[in-house]
Structures are given as structure tokens and as C-alpha cells.
Amino acid sequence: MFQILCWGMRNMKRYQLLPITSPSVEFEIGGAVVQSPIIKNTKKNPNFSQALLFLDTVSSSPCHESSAIIGRYCEILIVYCSDL
């Protein structure tokens, strides 16, 4: 079981000359997929309405291992724990 904490999206660049105003994030780990809620308007509120996502899949990593992904536009913390 993975817990994914995704705060929000900031400073989105244009895509094919159009502004990105309603993004979401999709995670795939071990063939399982989970998608964040869509942010309605990043200019008014760049945070996700539901920051904590759960992904139920098998991992060969030990329990309680975490990885922080800090990208250009988003900050994400992924924690694996088989005890959840």
C-alpha cells in the first residue's frame, strides 16, 4: 500500500500555446493507477482538494520507505507501508 501526499500545482507553463488552468496528476506504481482530483482553477487555489491518495499494489521495497518528488510544478511525497 502506498500513501501519496500531493499538495498542489504551481507555475504551470503553457501547453500547445494554451494555459493550463485545471490540472491533475496520475500515478502508476506496479501497474496500479490512481489519479488526483482536478484542480478547478490554479490561479485562485493551486492546491488539490484531496491531498492524500492511496494506491494498493505490491512493492519489493521495505516498509516505511519514502521518496519525495519535487518537480518544477508540483511537490509529492510517496510513502510505502504494507501495514496500512
N, C-alpha and C. Protein backbone atom coordinates (compact mmCIF):
# COMPACT_ATOMS: atom_id res chain seq x y z
N MET A 1 0.85 -1.17 0.00
CA MET A 1 0.00 0.00 0.00
C MET A 1 0.89 1.24 0.00
N PHE A 2 0.59 2.16 -0.86
CA PHE A 2 1.33 3.42 -0.94
C PHE A 2 0.41 4.55 -0.52
N GLN A 3 0.95 5.48 0.25
CA GLN A 3 0.27 6.73 0.54
C GLN A 3 0.98 7.81 -0.27
N ILE A 4 0.22 8.59 -0.98
CA ILE A 4 0.79 9.64 -1.82
C ILE A 4 0.22 10.96 -1.34
N LEU A 5 1.08 11.86 -0.94
CA LEU A 5 0.67 13.18 -0.50
C LEU A 5 1.05 14.18 -1.57
N CYS A 6 0.07 14.73 -2.23
CA CYS A 6 0.35 15.71 -3.29
C CYS A 6 -0.34 17.02 -2.92
N TRP A 7 0.45 18.04 -2.75
CA TRP A 7 -0.05 19.32 -2.26
C TRP A 7 -0.76 20.12 -3.34
N GLY A 8 -0.10 20.36 -4.44
CA GLY A 8 -0.72 21.19 -5.47
C GLY A 8 0.19 21.39 -6.66
N MET A 9 -0.27 22.22 -7.57
CA MET A 9 0.46 22.52 -8.80
C MET A 9 0.65 24.03 -8.87
N ARG A 10 1.88 24.46 -9.18
CA ARG A 10 2.17 25.88 -9.22
C ARG A 10 2.99 26.22 -10.46
N ASN A 11 2.82 27.45 -10.94
CA ASN A 11 3.63 27.99 -12.03
C ASN A 11 3.58 27.12 -13.28
N MET A 12 2.40 26.64 -13.63
CA MET A 12 2.25 25.80 -14.82
C MET A 12 2.53 26.62 -16.08
N LYS A 13 3.32 26.05 -16.96
CA LYS A 13 3.62 26.70 -18.25
C LYS A 13 2.52 26.36 -19.25
N ARG A 14 2.49 27.09 -20.33
CA ARG A 14 1.50 26.83 -21.38
C ARG A 14 1.81 25.50 -22.08
N TYR A 15 0.74 24.85 -22.55
CA TYR A 15 0.88 23.61 -23.32
C TYR A 15 0.20 23.84 -24.66
N GLN A 16 0.94 23.71 -25.73
CA GLN A 16 0.46 23.97 -27.09
C GLN A 16 -0.23 25.34 -27.16
N LEU A 17 0.44 26.34 -26.61
CA LEU A 17 0.03 27.75 -26.59
C LEU A 17 -1.20 28.04 -25.73
N LEU A 18 -1.72 27.05 -25.02
CA LEU A 18 -2.88 27.26 -24.16
C LEU A 18 -2.45 27.20 -22.69
N PRO A 19 -3.04 28.06 -21.85
CA PRO A 19 -2.70 28.00 -20.43
C PRO A 19 -3.30 26.74 -19.78
N ILE A 20 -2.59 26.20 -18.81
CA ILE A 20 -3.09 25.06 -18.05
C ILE A 20 -3.73 25.62 -16.78
N THR A 21 -5.04 25.46 -16.66
CA THR A 21 -5.74 26.03 -15.52
C THR A 21 -6.40 24.98 -14.63
N SER A 22 -6.60 23.76 -15.13
CA SER A 22 -7.29 22.72 -14.36
C SER A 22 -6.52 21.40 -14.43
N PRO A 23 -5.33 21.32 -13.81
CA PRO A 23 -4.52 20.11 -13.90
C PRO A 23 -4.90 19.03 -12.88
N SER A 24 -4.42 17.83 -13.13
CA SER A 24 -4.47 16.73 -12.17
C SER A 24 -3.19 15.93 -12.36
N VAL A 25 -2.93 15.02 -11.44
CA VAL A 25 -1.71 14.20 -11.50
C VAL A 25 -2.13 12.74 -11.46
N GLU A 26 -1.47 11.91 -12.27
CA GLU A 26 -1.75 10.48 -12.28
C GLU A 26 -0.49 9.72 -11.89
N PHE A 27 -0.65 8.74 -10.98
CA PHE A 27 0.48 7.93 -10.52
C PHE A 27 0.25 6.49 -10.93
N GLU A 28 1.32 5.85 -11.42
CA GLU A 28 1.26 4.43 -11.73
C GLU A 28 2.45 3.75 -11.06
N ILE A 29 2.15 2.81 -10.18
CA ILE A 29 3.19 2.06 -9.47
C ILE A 29 2.81 0.60 -9.54
N GLY A 30 3.67 -0.22 -10.11
CA GLY A 30 3.42 -1.65 -10.19
C GLY A 30 2.17 -2.01 -10.96
N GLY A 31 1.80 -1.21 -11.94
CA GLY A 31 0.62 -1.47 -12.75
C GLY A 31 -0.67 -0.91 -12.20
N ALA A 32 -0.68 -0.46 -10.95
CA ALA A 32 -1.87 0.15 -10.35
C ALA A 32 -1.82 1.66 -10.60
N VAL A 33 -2.98 2.25 -10.83
CA VAL A 33 -3.05 3.67 -11.17
C VAL A 33 -4.01 4.39 -10.22
N VAL A 34 -3.62 5.58 -9.80
CA VAL A 34 -4.50 6.46 -9.02
C VAL A 34 -4.33 7.87 -9.57
N GLN A 35 -5.43 8.62 -9.62
CA GLN A 35 -5.39 9.98 -10.15
C GLN A 35 -5.88 10.96 -9.09
N SER A 36 -5.23 12.09 -9.02
CA SER A 36 -5.63 13.14 -8.08
C SER A 36 -6.91 13.81 -8.59
N PRO A 37 -7.61 14.50 -7.70
CA PRO A 37 -8.74 15.31 -8.16
C PRO A 37 -8.24 16.43 -9.06
N ILE A 38 -9.09 16.93 -9.91
CA ILE A 38 -8.74 18.04 -10.79
C ILE A 38 -8.80 19.33 -9.98
N ILE A 39 -7.78 20.16 -10.13
CA ILE A 39 -7.80 21.49 -9.52
C ILE A 39 -8.67 22.37 -10.41
N LYS A 40 -9.69 22.96 -9.84
CA LYS A 40 -10.65 23.74 -10.63
C LYS A 40 -10.02 24.98 -11.27
N ASN A 41 -9.21 25.70 -10.50
CA ASN A 41 -8.59 26.92 -11.02
C ASN A 41 -7.30 27.16 -10.24
N THR A 42 -6.16 26.98 -10.89
CA THR A 42 -4.87 27.12 -10.22
C THR A 42 -4.56 28.56 -9.83
N LYS A 43 -5.17 29.52 -10.49
CA LYS A 43 -4.91 30.92 -10.14
C LYS A 43 -5.58 31.28 -8.81
N LYS A 44 -6.77 30.74 -8.55
CA LYS A 44 -7.47 31.01 -7.30
C LYS A 44 -6.94 30.16 -6.16
N ASN A 45 -6.71 28.86 -6.42
CA ASN A 45 -6.22 27.94 -5.39
C ASN A 45 -5.41 26.83 -6.07
N PRO A 46 -4.09 26.83 -5.93
CA PRO A 46 -3.25 25.85 -6.61
C PRO A 46 -3.15 24.50 -5.90
N ASN A 47 -3.91 24.30 -4.81
CA ASN A 47 -3.82 23.06 -4.04
C ASN A 47 -4.92 22.08 -4.43
N PHE A 48 -4.61 20.77 -4.28
CA PHE A 48 -5.60 19.74 -4.53
C PHE A 48 -6.62 19.73 -3.40
N SER A 49 -7.88 19.44 -3.72
CA SER A 49 -8.92 19.36 -2.69
C SER A 49 -8.72 18.15 -1.79
N GLN A 50 -8.14 17.09 -2.33
CA GLN A 50 -7.81 15.89 -1.56
C GLN A 50 -6.32 15.62 -1.76
N ALA A 51 -5.53 15.92 -0.74
CA ALA A 51 -4.07 15.82 -0.88
C ALA A 51 -3.54 14.41 -0.68
N LEU A 52 -4.27 13.57 0.07
CA LEU A 52 -3.79 12.23 0.38
C LEU A 52 -4.48 11.20 -0.50
N LEU A 53 -3.67 10.45 -1.27
CA LEU A 53 -4.17 9.39 -2.15
C LEU A 53 -3.60 8.06 -1.68
N PHE A 54 -4.32 6.98 -1.94
CA PHE A 54 -3.86 5.63 -1.59
C PHE A 54 -3.78 4.79 -2.85
N LEU A 55 -2.73 3.99 -2.94
CA LEU A 55 -2.52 3.11 -4.09
C LEU A 55 -2.19 1.73 -3.55
N ASP A 56 -3.05 0.77 -3.82
CA ASP A 56 -2.88 -0.59 -3.30
C ASP A 56 -2.19 -1.44 -4.35
N THR A 57 -0.91 -1.74 -4.14
CA THR A 57 -0.13 -2.56 -5.05
C THR A 57 1.02 -3.20 -4.27
N VAL A 58 1.69 -4.14 -4.88
CA VAL A 58 2.79 -4.85 -4.23
C VAL A 58 4.10 -4.17 -4.58
N SER A 59 5.00 -4.07 -3.59
CA SER A 59 6.31 -3.48 -3.81
C SER A 59 7.37 -4.37 -3.18
N SER A 60 8.54 -4.39 -3.78
CA SER A 60 9.65 -5.16 -3.22
C SER A 60 10.45 -4.34 -2.22
N SER A 61 10.10 -3.07 -2.06
CA SER A 61 10.81 -2.19 -1.13
C SER A 61 10.40 -2.50 0.30
N PRO A 62 11.28 -2.23 1.26
CA PRO A 62 10.91 -2.44 2.67
C PRO A 62 9.85 -1.44 3.12
N CYS A 63 9.20 -1.77 4.23
CA CYS A 63 8.15 -0.90 4.77
C CYS A 63 8.70 0.46 5.19
N HIS A 64 7.82 1.42 5.18
CA HIS A 64 8.09 2.77 5.67
C HIS A 64 9.20 3.48 4.90
N GLU A 65 9.42 3.10 3.68
CA GLU A 65 10.39 3.80 2.84
C GLU A 65 9.64 4.93 2.14
N SER A 66 10.24 6.10 2.09
CA SER A 66 9.55 7.22 1.46
C SER A 66 10.45 7.87 0.42
N SER A 67 9.81 8.50 -0.55
CA SER A 67 10.50 9.23 -1.60
C SER A 67 9.80 10.56 -1.80
N ALA A 68 10.55 11.61 -1.84
CA ALA A 68 9.99 12.93 -2.12
C ALA A 68 10.29 13.27 -3.56
N ILE A 69 9.28 13.66 -4.28
CA ILE A 69 9.43 14.08 -5.66
C ILE A 69 9.10 15.56 -5.70
N ILE A 70 10.10 16.36 -5.94
CA ILE A 70 9.87 17.80 -6.02
C ILE A 70 10.18 18.21 -7.45
N GLY A 71 9.13 18.41 -8.21
CA GLY A 71 9.28 18.75 -9.62
C GLY A 71 9.23 20.24 -9.83
N ARG A 72 9.22 20.61 -11.07
CA ARG A 72 9.17 22.02 -11.43
C ARG A 72 7.82 22.63 -11.05
N TYR A 73 6.76 21.83 -11.13
CA TYR A 73 5.41 22.35 -10.93
C TYR A 73 4.67 21.76 -9.73
N CYS A 74 5.20 20.68 -9.14
CA CYS A 74 4.47 20.06 -8.04
C CYS A 74 5.41 19.48 -7.00
N GLU A 75 4.88 19.27 -5.81
CA GLU A 75 5.62 18.64 -4.72
C GLU A 75 4.83 17.43 -4.26
N ILE A 76 5.48 16.25 -4.22
CA ILE A 76 4.79 15.00 -3.92
C ILE A 76 5.65 14.20 -2.96
N LEU A 77 5.01 13.57 -1.99
CA LEU A 77 5.68 12.66 -1.07
C LEU A 77 5.00 11.31 -1.19
N ILE A 78 5.77 10.26 -1.50
CA ILE A 78 5.24 8.91 -1.63
C ILE A 78 5.81 8.06 -0.51
N VAL A 79 4.94 7.43 0.27
CA VAL A 79 5.35 6.59 1.39
C VAL A 79 4.78 5.20 1.17
N TYR A 80 5.64 4.18 1.26
CA TYR A 80 5.20 2.80 1.15
C TYR A 80 5.11 2.19 2.53
N CYS A 81 3.99 1.54 2.81
CA CYS A 81 3.84 0.83 4.07
C CYS A 81 2.88 -0.33 3.87
N SER A 82 3.31 -1.53 4.14
CA SER A 82 2.45 -2.70 3.95
C SER A 82 1.49 -2.87 5.11
N ASP A 83 1.63 -2.08 6.17
CA ASP A 83 0.79 -2.22 7.36
C ASP A 83 -0.54 -1.47 7.25
N LEU A 84 -0.73 -0.71 6.21
CA LEU A 84 -1.95 0.11 6.11
C LEU A 84 -3.15 -0.73 5.77
